[in-house]
């Protein structure tokens, strides 16, 4: 099936078209669902269906895997559906994501391919990423390098269909700005921030990841951006998504009920650029090259 951010030719739709699509789904805070058991039942059904309809008829595919709740849930559903897949993880030495990915994969019986990048290999990945993106933004360069390195590892293993967790943070309130929104306002402000984040995904995430995927000849599978899953998830009252202690609560509870071990479902994961240690590695590379700031180092690589 075609992802909602792509046109009929497989190209990324324009930013205004994306925002118009998301705006057409936007709902009011007063209409939200508060029956928790019904919410979880529908969420589980839509999660499983989102993976199923993307993988029906496919042969082997890869999963961009960090060991967090998003990718672990996708992998577990894939296994329960009897799909053939391999998980792919990358990081530098002492990467929290790599350590978690290995533990989850071993516990759940997932096939895992991973790569621990040296500083020189990280720099090469950053250079390749910047050549594609032509943008020295630190977040784009660091997250993009994680995506690029993981996709490259998958390609080496023969996988060009890659499933990832893009969109989960937005629909289930997983970012610091969601926390800030709740702290500064109320649950209605948090609900609005989830919609705003979805609209802004085109510039923050989709443009970056689609450029990398297109350059590498990779097709992205994004179950969390399934239109039915977005619609149902955005009907969930945000008191079930975030508290002052936890983020993505309802997804974690649903993942447990699907069969993910509690310690994996509730792992507090850092953003990809930090969990992979790529930002720390970028700091080391900048200092090695004589730069005080990462942004100046990155500009020098373009």
Foldseek 3Di string as FASTA:
>chain_A
DQFPQADPVRHGDDLVVQLVVLVVLDDALVQFDDPLVVLLVVLLVLLLVLLCVVCVPHAEAEEAAQLALQRLLSQLSCVVVVHHYEYEFEFAPPFQSVVNRVVSCVVRVHHYDYYHDDLVRLVVLLLVLCVLVVDLPPLLSLVLSRLLVRCVSVVVVPHQEYEYAPQLCLLLVPDVVLLVQCVVDHQSSSLVSSSVCSSCCVVVPVVSNSSSSVVVVHHYRHSNSDVVSSSSSSSHRNVCADDNVAGGNSSLVSSVVSPRDNCSSRDNDDPPSVSRCSVVSLCVVCVVVPHNDSSVVSVVSD
